[in-house]
Amino acid sequence: MNANAGTRGVKVKSRTSETRPGDYTERGCSFLGCRIVVCGQVKNVVHLVHSPIGCAYYSWDYRVDSRGYCFTTDLDEFDVIFGGEKKLYSAVEIAVREFRPDAVFIYQTCTTGLIGDDIRAIARRASEEFGIPVLAFECAGFRGLTQNTGHRIASETLFNLLDSNPEKRLDSSNSNRINLIGDFNLKDARELEKVFESLGFEVICTFTANSTVDRIRRMSEADLNVVQCSKSSIFIAELMEEKFGIPYVEANFFGLQNTANSLRMIAEFFPRLSTRIEEYIEDEVRRINPQLEFYRERLGGKRVFISHGVQRAIYWIRPFEELGMEIAGVSTYFGSRKEIEKIREVSKARVFDNPSLDEFEEILLSTMPDLVVSDDKLRHLCHKLAVPFLNGRGQNRAYSGFGGFMTFARDVYETLNSRIWALAREFA
């Protein structure tokens, strides 16, 4: 863990240093970044994890937005010694026959990476045999320092699905086609699609929330890629710019000012829609500001601790400040030096990199925030300490855009004012 100011008993560790055997790390592995973060939301796909059954923990329980079927080949000692390729091919055959998916995604894990099973050859053979895309993701957990390596592997592999035939690309002289890249929450993706379609855009694909194999194939038809989470998804935008000449912009749709700035930046690429976009921004701000005053009066001065992947941590700072709240501290799972410095540019709060759960408990006891915003890995710790907790991913609701920010403000207010916390502190 690393902090720009010390905490009681918390050891300082250099950012993104290599995880050594014996280290307890919260960064996640390449497999998580590939299977869960990027690929898990693609609809009507069989996710086949080539692994012992332990890796199947990530199959169902980690994120509620997973939209496909997920299975494991359940390798045992015999398979490790003699190889699991026959078992993998048989699993693909059963998955295609029983579920009739649009595609099968095969994921390499640490065990199968070490024993050398050739998942590419199996995928190629199965794709020819069954007539559907069978993609091999060589994302063994040890392949990178953090899950970010898995993000890159997922993007590079999914890029092979894109239609590269220039004859099929439509005339873009009068089109307003965009891809929304890097949003992995289904409700956020649907909210943003609705907003952009109301402004006159055609959303080809949301990568990967609310996406399908067919929508991913059509991504090469877009005029502009709008990248929400550059940490996880900049890779496919760069590949599309290099191969198809499609430009991209990095956007942020969390909070009033961030959303307005991002829409104006996109309007620069579509001048014919600029007036319509500006009118929409003015109407939404005029509608929302009176309602936000209610929350600002009641949330002003409250202290919040943000713990997320580095990109989302950066994105949440300004929205909380727009609610009048103070940032008590920020922790990230896999931020680079450059990204940690970016957090420091927008906030004077202490920044912690990769704290374990034990370390995070000490951080909470020293910073004493009124609210923690993170994902579910910290939920139970916060409940144990009777610290109000809010899942910053929204899960079953949208936090993106102007409307999403109102939902977020309401959830923050209701979480802080729930009577359960007073009861919990009696037993903490």
Protein backbone atom coordinates (compact mmCIF):
# COMPACT_ATOMS: atom_id res chain seq x y z
CA MET A 1 0.00 0.00 0.00
CA ASN A 2 1.14 3.54 -0.57
CA ALA A 3 -0.04 6.78 0.94
CA ASN A 4 1.04 10.38 0.64
CA ALA A 5 0.58 10.61 4.40
CA GLY A 6 1.15 7.83 6.91
CA THR A 7 -1.51 5.95 8.85
CA ARG A 8 -1.19 4.14 12.18
CA GLY A 9 0.78 0.96 11.68
CA VAL A 10 0.21 0.88 7.90
CA LYS A 11 3.32 -0.01 5.95
CA VAL A 12 4.14 1.97 2.84
CA LYS A 13 4.62 -0.02 -0.35
CA SER A 14 5.61 1.30 -3.77
CA ARG A 15 2.78 1.70 -6.28
CA THR A 16 2.16 -1.09 -8.77
CA SER A 17 5.25 -2.96 -7.59
CA GLU A 18 5.27 -6.61 -8.57
CA THR A 19 3.22 -8.81 -6.27
CA ARG A 20 5.54 -11.39 -4.70
CA PRO A 21 4.58 -14.77 -3.18
CA GLY A 22 3.28 -14.11 0.32
CA ASP A 23 1.90 -10.65 -0.48
CA TYR A 24 -1.78 -10.07 0.19
CA THR A 25 -3.05 -7.98 -2.71
CA GLU A 26 -6.40 -6.46 -3.61
CA ARG A 27 -5.49 -5.67 -7.22
CA GLY A 28 -7.17 -8.63 -8.85
CA CYS A 29 -5.57 -10.74 -11.57
CA SER A 30 -5.52 -10.76 -15.37
CA PHE A 31 -8.29 -13.35 -15.41
CA LEU A 32 -10.57 -11.08 -13.39
CA GLY A 33 -9.89 -8.11 -15.64
CA CYS A 34 -10.68 -10.14 -18.76
CA ARG A 35 -13.50 -12.46 -17.72
CA ILE A 36 -15.37 -10.30 -15.21
CA VAL A 37 -14.70 -6.66 -16.01
CA VAL A 38 -14.76 -6.65 -19.82
CA CYS A 39 -16.29 -9.87 -21.15
CA GLY A 40 -18.86 -10.78 -18.51
CA GLN A 41 -21.58 -8.45 -19.78
CA VAL A 42 -21.77 -9.74 -23.38
CA LYS A 43 -25.19 -11.29 -23.88
CA ASN A 44 -25.99 -14.83 -25.05
CA VAL A 45 -22.42 -16.06 -24.76
CA VAL A 46 -21.10 -19.15 -22.99
CA HIS A 47 -18.12 -18.24 -20.80
CA LEU A 48 -16.02 -21.39 -20.41
CA VAL A 49 -13.35 -21.10 -17.72
CA HIS A 50 -10.66 -23.73 -18.36
CA SER A 51 -9.58 -24.34 -14.78
CA PRO A 52 -10.01 -26.25 -11.54
CA ILE A 53 -13.33 -25.44 -9.93
CA GLY A 54 -11.85 -22.78 -7.61
CA CYS A 55 -11.66 -20.22 -10.41
CA ALA A 56 -15.42 -20.55 -10.86
CA TYR A 57 -15.86 -18.21 -7.87
CA TYR A 58 -15.66 -15.41 -10.43
CA SER A 59 -18.26 -17.14 -12.63
CA TRP A 60 -21.43 -16.09 -10.85
CA ASP A 61 -20.88 -14.29 -7.58
CA TYR A 62 -18.59 -11.35 -8.25
CA ARG A 63 -20.71 -9.07 -10.44
CA VAL A 64 -24.47 -9.06 -10.83
CA ASP A 65 -24.32 -7.70 -14.38
CA SER A 66 -22.97 -10.90 -15.94
CA ARG A 67 -25.26 -11.59 -18.89
CA GLY A 68 -24.07 -14.97 -20.18
CA TYR A 69 -23.76 -18.56 -19.02
CA CYS A 70 -20.52 -19.40 -17.23
CA PHE A 71 -19.06 -22.86 -16.68
CA THR A 72 -15.73 -24.40 -15.71
CA THR A 73 -14.02 -27.50 -17.06
CA ASP A 74 -13.31 -28.51 -13.43
CA LEU A 75 -9.80 -29.85 -13.99
CA ASP A 76 -8.43 -32.40 -11.53
CA GLU A 77 -4.99 -33.89 -10.85
CA PHE A 78 -5.28 -36.28 -13.80
CA ASP A 79 -5.96 -33.39 -16.21
CA VAL A 80 -3.05 -31.39 -14.82
CA ILE A 81 -0.66 -34.31 -15.43
CA PHE A 82 -1.95 -35.48 -18.81
CA GLY A 83 -3.50 -32.27 -20.18
CA GLY A 84 -7.05 -30.96 -20.36
CA GLU A 85 -7.50 -30.23 -24.07
CA LYS A 86 -9.89 -33.14 -24.73
CA LYS A 87 -11.97 -32.11 -21.75
CA LEU A 88 -12.08 -28.52 -23.01
CA TYR A 89 -13.20 -29.47 -26.51
CA SER A 90 -15.90 -31.75 -25.08
CA ALA A 91 -17.11 -28.87 -22.88
CA VAL A 92 -17.36 -26.55 -25.89
CA GLU A 93 -19.32 -29.20 -27.79
CA ILE A 94 -21.80 -29.64 -24.94
CA ALA A 95 -22.19 -25.87 -24.46
CA VAL A 96 -22.99 -25.30 -28.14
CA ARG A 97 -25.45 -28.19 -28.27
CA GLU A 98 -27.28 -27.36 -25.06
CA PHE A 99 -27.35 -23.55 -25.09
CA ARG A 100 -27.01 -22.51 -28.76
CA PRO A 101 -24.98 -19.39 -27.92
CA ASP A 102 -23.89 -16.67 -30.31
CA ALA A 103 -20.28 -17.41 -29.30
CA VAL A 104 -18.15 -19.33 -26.82
CA PHE A 105 -15.43 -17.53 -24.88
CA ILE A 106 -12.66 -19.77 -23.50
CA TYR A 107 -10.56 -18.39 -20.64
CA GLN A 108 -7.08 -19.54 -19.72
CA THR A 109 -6.26 -19.58 -16.01
CA CYS A 110 -3.03 -20.01 -14.04
CA THR A 111 -3.25 -23.82 -14.01
CA THR A 112 -3.90 -24.25 -17.73
CA GLY A 113 -1.33 -21.59 -18.56
CA LEU A 114 1.31 -23.49 -16.62
CA ILE A 115 0.54 -26.94 -18.07
CA GLY A 116 0.50 -25.53 -21.61
CA ASP A 117 -2.95 -26.47 -22.92
CA ASP A 118 -3.30 -24.92 -26.40
CA ILE A 119 -6.64 -23.16 -26.05
CA ARG A 120 -6.10 -21.27 -29.32
CA ALA A 121 -5.96 -24.51 -31.29
CA ILE A 122 -9.07 -25.82 -29.52
CA ALA A 123 -10.94 -22.58 -30.22
CA ARG A 124 -9.95 -22.59 -33.89
CA ARG A 125 -11.01 -26.21 -34.34
CA ALA A 126 -14.33 -25.70 -32.49
CA SER A 127 -15.16 -22.54 -34.44
CA GLU A 128 -14.71 -24.41 -37.75
CA GLU A 129 -16.69 -27.40 -36.48
CA PHE A 130 -19.68 -25.56 -34.98
CA GLY A 131 -19.86 -22.47 -37.22
CA ILE A 132 -19.87 -19.84 -34.46
CA PRO A 133 -17.08 -17.66 -33.04
CA VAL A 134 -15.06 -19.48 -30.39
CA LEU A 135 -12.54 -17.05 -28.89
CA ALA A 136 -9.53 -17.97 -26.76
CA PHE A 137 -8.59 -15.46 -24.06
CA GLU A 138 -5.04 -16.16 -22.88
CA CYS A 139 -5.60 -14.37 -19.58
CA ALA A 140 -3.91 -16.56 -16.97
CA GLY A 141 -3.85 -14.66 -13.69
CA PHE A 142 -0.06 -14.46 -13.57
CA ARG A 143 0.27 -12.69 -16.92
CA GLY A 144 0.30 -9.16 -15.46
CA LEU A 145 0.82 -7.18 -12.29
CA THR A 146 -2.86 -6.20 -12.10
CA GLN A 147 -6.22 -6.89 -13.72
CA ASN A 148 -5.41 -4.17 -16.26
CA THR A 149 -3.46 -6.73 -18.29
CA GLY A 150 -6.69 -8.72 -18.55
CA HIS A 151 -8.51 -5.64 -19.84
CA ARG A 152 -5.98 -5.39 -22.68
CA ILE A 153 -6.16 -9.11 -23.50
CA ALA A 154 -9.97 -8.95 -23.63
CA SER A 155 -9.99 -5.90 -25.91
CA GLU A 156 -7.40 -7.35 -28.30
CA THR A 157 -9.28 -10.66 -28.54
CA LEU A 158 -12.75 -9.15 -28.95
CA PHE A 159 -11.31 -6.84 -31.62
CA ASN A 160 -11.10 -9.94 -33.85
CA LEU A 161 -14.91 -9.97 -33.99
CA LEU A 162 -15.13 -6.56 -35.66
CA ASP A 163 -16.25 -6.38 -39.27
CA SER A 164 -13.13 -5.30 -41.19
CA ASN A 165 -14.67 -5.33 -44.69
CA PRO A 166 -14.62 -1.67 -45.86
CA GLU A 167 -17.36 -2.37 -48.42
CA LYS A 168 -19.81 -2.93 -45.57
CA ARG A 169 -19.00 0.35 -43.86
CA LEU A 170 -21.73 2.92 -44.38
CA ASP A 171 -21.26 6.42 -45.75
CA SER A 172 -20.47 8.62 -42.72
CA SER A 173 -20.86 12.05 -44.32
CA ASN A 174 -24.24 12.68 -42.67
CA SER A 175 -24.28 10.09 -39.91
CA ASN A 176 -24.09 10.45 -36.14
CA ARG A 177 -22.91 6.99 -35.19
CA ILE A 178 -21.01 6.40 -31.95
CA ASN A 179 -19.80 3.57 -29.74
CA LEU A 180 -20.00 3.96 -25.97
CA ILE A 181 -16.92 2.16 -24.67
CA GLY A 182 -15.99 1.30 -21.10
CA ASP A 183 -19.32 1.22 -19.30
CA PHE A 184 -19.93 -2.16 -17.67
CA ASN A 185 -23.10 -1.37 -15.71
CA LEU A 186 -26.20 -2.38 -17.67
CA LYS A 187 -28.43 0.36 -16.21
CA ASP A 188 -25.80 3.06 -16.89
CA ALA A 189 -25.38 1.83 -20.46
CA ARG A 190 -29.12 1.92 -21.11
CA GLU A 191 -29.42 5.39 -19.57
CA LEU A 192 -26.65 6.78 -21.78
CA GLU A 193 -28.02 5.09 -24.88
CA LYS A 194 -31.39 6.72 -24.21
CA VAL A 195 -29.76 10.15 -23.78
CA PHE A 196 -27.69 9.95 -26.95
CA GLU A 197 -30.53 8.58 -29.06
CA SER A 198 -32.74 11.48 -27.88
CA LEU A 199 -30.02 13.86 -29.10
CA GLY A 200 -29.99 12.34 -32.59
CA PHE A 201 -27.15 9.82 -32.30
CA GLU A 202 -27.17 6.19 -33.36
CA VAL A 203 -25.44 4.10 -30.71
CA ILE A 204 -23.87 1.17 -32.55
CA CYS A 205 -22.59 -0.62 -29.46
CA THR A 206 -22.12 -0.16 -25.73
CA PHE A 207 -18.88 -1.99 -24.97
CA THR A 208 -19.53 -4.17 -23.12
CA ALA A 209 -22.66 -3.55 -21.01
CA ASN A 210 -25.81 -4.26 -23.04
CA SER A 211 -23.66 -5.61 -25.88
CA THR A 212 -24.07 -8.66 -28.10
CA VAL A 213 -21.72 -10.38 -30.52
CA ASP A 214 -23.56 -8.77 -33.45
CA ARG A 215 -23.31 -5.27 -31.93
CA ILE A 216 -19.58 -5.75 -31.30
CA ARG A 217 -19.15 -6.82 -34.95
CA ARG A 218 -20.69 -3.52 -36.08
CA MET A 219 -18.43 -1.29 -33.97
CA SER A 220 -16.28 -0.53 -37.01
CA GLU A 221 -19.23 1.42 -38.51
CA ALA A 222 -19.00 4.21 -35.93
CA ASP A 223 -17.83 7.77 -36.58
CA LEU A 224 -16.58 8.32 -33.02
CA ASN A 225 -15.71 6.20 -30.01
CA VAL A 226 -16.69 7.67 -26.63
CA VAL A 227 -14.52 6.08 -23.95
CA GLN A 228 -15.89 6.26 -20.40
CA CYS A 229 -13.31 4.13 -18.52
CA SER A 230 -10.00 4.62 -20.27
CA LYS A 231 -8.15 2.42 -17.77
CA SER A 232 -10.02 -0.69 -18.89
CA SER A 233 -11.12 0.14 -22.43
CA ILE A 234 -8.71 2.53 -24.13
CA PHE A 235 -7.08 -0.47 -25.82
CA ILE A 236 -9.92 -1.26 -28.24
CA ALA A 237 -10.41 2.43 -29.03
CA GLU A 238 -6.72 2.71 -29.96
CA LEU A 239 -6.93 -0.42 -32.12
CA MET A 240 -9.96 0.97 -33.96
CA GLU A 241 -8.26 4.30 -34.53
CA GLU A 242 -5.19 2.54 -35.93
CA LYS A 243 -7.04 0.12 -38.24
CA PHE A 244 -10.21 2.04 -39.19
CA GLY A 245 -9.25 5.67 -38.55
CA ILE A 246 -12.08 6.11 -36.05
CA PRO A 247 -11.20 8.87 -33.53
CA TYR A 248 -11.98 8.58 -29.83
CA VAL A 249 -12.57 10.94 -26.92
CA GLU A 250 -12.28 10.22 -23.20
CA ALA A 251 -15.51 11.18 -21.45
CA ASN A 252 -16.92 11.18 -17.92
CA PHE A 253 -20.68 11.12 -17.33
CA PHE A 254 -20.66 11.17 -13.52
CA GLY A 255 -21.84 14.47 -12.08
CA LEU A 256 -23.26 17.69 -13.52
CA GLN A 257 -20.11 19.41 -14.76
CA ASN A 258 -18.44 16.22 -15.97
CA THR A 259 -21.51 15.28 -18.02
CA ALA A 260 -21.87 18.77 -19.50
CA ASN A 261 -18.16 18.95 -20.40
CA SER A 262 -18.24 15.52 -22.05
CA LEU A 263 -21.34 16.29 -24.13
CA ARG A 264 -19.79 19.57 -25.36
CA MET A 265 -16.59 17.72 -26.29
CA ILE A 266 -18.59 15.19 -28.32
CA ALA A 267 -20.54 18.03 -29.97
CA GLU A 268 -17.27 19.31 -31.48
CA PHE A 269 -17.22 16.19 -33.69
CA PHE A 270 -20.87 16.64 -34.73
CA PRO A 271 -21.41 20.40 -35.31
CA ARG A 272 -24.90 19.82 -36.76
CA LEU A 273 -26.00 18.57 -33.33
CA SER A 274 -24.19 21.17 -31.20
CA THR A 275 -27.20 23.47 -30.74
CA ARG A 276 -29.42 20.57 -29.76
CA ILE A 277 -26.83 19.30 -27.26
CA GLU A 278 -26.37 22.75 -25.69
CA GLU A 279 -30.13 23.18 -25.28
CA TYR A 280 -30.33 19.76 -23.65
CA ILE A 281 -27.56 20.65 -21.16
CA GLU A 282 -29.22 23.95 -20.22
CA ASP A 283 -32.64 22.31 -19.79
CA GLU A 284 -31.27 19.51 -17.60
CA VAL A 285 -29.19 21.80 -15.38
CA ARG A 286 -32.16 24.13 -14.94
CA ARG A 287 -34.38 21.18 -14.02
CA ILE A 288 -31.93 19.49 -11.65
CA ASN A 289 -30.33 22.35 -9.73
CA PRO A 290 -33.38 23.19 -7.56
CA GLN A 291 -33.69 19.52 -6.59
CA LEU A 292 -29.97 19.28 -5.80
CA GLU A 293 -30.23 22.16 -3.33
CA PHE A 294 -32.21 19.87 -1.02
CA TYR A 295 -29.32 17.40 -0.93
CA ARG A 296 -26.56 20.04 -0.79
CA GLU A 297 -28.08 21.59 2.33
CA ARG A 298 -28.16 18.21 4.08
CA LEU A 299 -24.94 16.66 2.78
CA GLY A 300 -22.69 19.74 2.98
CA GLY A 301 -19.60 19.10 5.11
CA LYS A 302 -20.06 15.31 5.27
CA ARG A 303 -16.84 13.35 4.67
CA VAL A 304 -16.66 10.50 2.16
CA PHE A 305 -13.95 7.91 1.51
CA ILE A 306 -13.74 6.64 -2.10
CA SER A 307 -12.29 3.19 -2.80
CA HIS A 308 -12.47 1.98 -6.41
CA GLY A 309 -10.46 1.18 -9.47
CA VAL A 310 -8.40 4.25 -10.21
CA GLN A 311 -10.51 5.61 -13.08
CA ARG A 312 -13.78 5.49 -11.16
CA ALA A 313 -12.05 6.95 -8.10
CA ILE A 314 -10.97 9.94 -10.20
CA TYR A 315 -14.45 10.30 -11.69
CA TRP A 316 -16.25 10.39 -8.32
CA ILE A 317 -14.31 13.25 -6.73
CA ARG A 318 -16.04 16.17 -8.48
CA PRO A 319 -19.61 14.80 -8.11
CA PHE A 320 -19.16 14.57 -4.34
CA GLU A 321 -17.81 18.10 -4.25
CA GLU A 322 -20.87 19.23 -6.25
CA LEU A 323 -22.94 17.85 -3.36
CA GLY A 324 -20.88 19.91 -0.90
CA MET A 325 -19.12 16.88 0.57
CA GLU A 326 -15.46 16.60 1.56
CA ILE A 327 -13.12 13.83 0.39
CA ALA A 328 -11.72 12.09 3.49
CA GLY A 329 -9.42 9.85 1.44
CA VAL A 330 -9.08 7.82 -1.76
CA SER A 331 -7.81 4.28 -2.28
CA THR A 332 -7.29 2.52 -5.60
CA TYR A 333 -6.69 -1.10 -6.61
CA PHE A 334 -4.26 -0.73 -9.50
CA GLY A 335 -3.40 2.90 -10.17
CA SER A 336 -0.20 3.89 -11.94
CA ARG A 337 2.04 6.71 -10.72
CA LYS A 338 0.56 9.02 -13.35
CA GLU A 339 -2.99 8.23 -12.28
CA ILE A 340 -2.20 8.64 -8.59
CA GLU A 341 -0.81 12.09 -9.42
CA LYS A 342 -4.00 12.88 -11.32
CA ILE A 343 -6.01 12.19 -8.16
CA ARG A 344 -3.75 14.54 -6.24
CA GLU A 345 -4.31 17.25 -8.84
CA VAL A 346 -8.07 17.23 -8.23
CA SER A 347 -8.10 16.49 -4.48
CA LYS A 348 -5.94 17.21 -1.46
CA ALA A 349 -7.10 14.03 0.25
CA ARG A 350 -4.70 11.25 1.19
CA VAL A 351 -4.28 8.59 -1.50
CA PHE A 352 -3.72 4.90 -0.70
CA ASP A 353 -2.73 2.32 -3.30
CA ASN A 354 -3.75 -1.34 -2.98
CA PRO A 355 -4.61 -1.59 0.74
CA SER A 356 -5.52 -5.02 2.06
CA LEU A 357 -8.70 -5.41 4.11
CA ASP A 358 -6.71 -5.28 7.35
CA GLU A 359 -4.96 -2.12 6.22
CA PHE A 360 -8.23 -0.62 5.04
CA GLU A 361 -9.74 -1.16 8.48
CA GLU A 362 -6.91 0.88 9.99
CA ILE A 363 -7.41 3.56 7.34
CA LEU A 364 -11.12 3.86 8.18
CA LEU A 365 -10.41 4.07 11.89
CA SER A 366 -7.90 6.87 11.30
CA THR A 367 -9.86 8.91 8.72
CA MET A 368 -13.33 8.39 10.32
CA PRO A 369 -15.44 9.13 7.19
CA ASP A 370 -19.20 9.59 7.31
CA LEU A 371 -19.60 7.43 4.20
CA VAL A 372 -17.59 4.85 2.22
CA VAL A 373 -18.23 4.46 -1.52
CA SER A 374 -16.73 1.32 -3.03
CA ASP A 375 -17.75 -1.98 -4.56
CA ASP A 376 -18.99 -4.98 -2.63
CA LYS A 377 -15.58 -6.21 -1.47
CA LEU A 378 -15.68 -3.60 1.35
CA ARG A 379 -19.37 -3.86 2.18
CA HIS A 380 -19.05 -6.34 5.05
CA LEU A 381 -16.07 -4.58 6.62
CA CYS A 382 -18.01 -1.29 6.65
CA HIS A 383 -21.04 -3.00 8.11
CA LYS A 384 -18.87 -4.52 10.85
CA LEU A 385 -17.52 -1.06 11.71
CA ALA A 386 -21.00 0.52 11.41
CA VAL A 387 -19.75 2.93 8.73
CA PRO A 388 -22.42 3.86 6.13
CA PHE A 389 -21.61 2.13 2.84
CA LEU A 390 -22.79 2.74 -0.75
CA ASN A 391 -21.92 0.61 -3.76
CA GLY A 392 -20.49 3.11 -6.25
CA ARG A 393 -21.25 0.90 -9.24
CA GLY A 394 -24.96 1.45 -8.87
CA GLN A 395 -25.71 -2.19 -9.67
CA ASN A 396 -29.49 -2.05 -10.07
CA ARG A 397 -29.69 1.66 -10.90
CA ALA A 398 -27.99 4.17 -13.20
CA TYR A 399 -25.63 6.83 -11.85
CA SER A 400 -24.51 8.19 -15.23
CA GLY A 401 -25.79 11.37 -16.85
CA PHE A 402 -27.89 14.15 -15.35
CA GLY A 403 -30.71 11.86 -14.29
CA GLY A 404 -28.27 9.33 -12.88
CA PHE A 405 -26.62 12.02 -10.76
CA MET A 406 -29.97 12.80 -9.15
CA THR A 407 -30.39 9.10 -8.36
CA PHE A 408 -26.89 9.05 -6.90
CA ALA A 409 -27.54 12.12 -4.71
CA ARG A 410 -30.71 10.51 -3.37
CA ASP A 411 -28.91 7.22 -2.61
CA VAL A 412 -26.11 9.06 -0.76
CA TYR A 413 -28.65 10.98 1.31
CA GLU A 414 -30.75 7.91 2.11
CA THR A 415 -27.69 5.83 3.00
CA LEU A 416 -26.32 8.43 5.40
CA ASN A 417 -29.69 8.99 7.05
CA SER A 418 -30.73 5.38 7.46
CA ARG A 419 -31.58 4.64 11.10
CA ILE A 420 -29.82 1.28 10.85
CA TRP A 421 -26.41 2.87 11.48
CA ALA A 422 -27.33 4.17 14.93
CA LEU A 423 -28.53 0.66 15.84
CA ALA A 424 -25.42 -0.96 14.32
CA ARG A 425 -23.07 1.29 16.36
CA GLU A 426 -24.58 -0.05 19.56
CA PHE A 427 -23.27 -3.52 18.65
CA ALA A 428 -20.11 -2.59 16.67
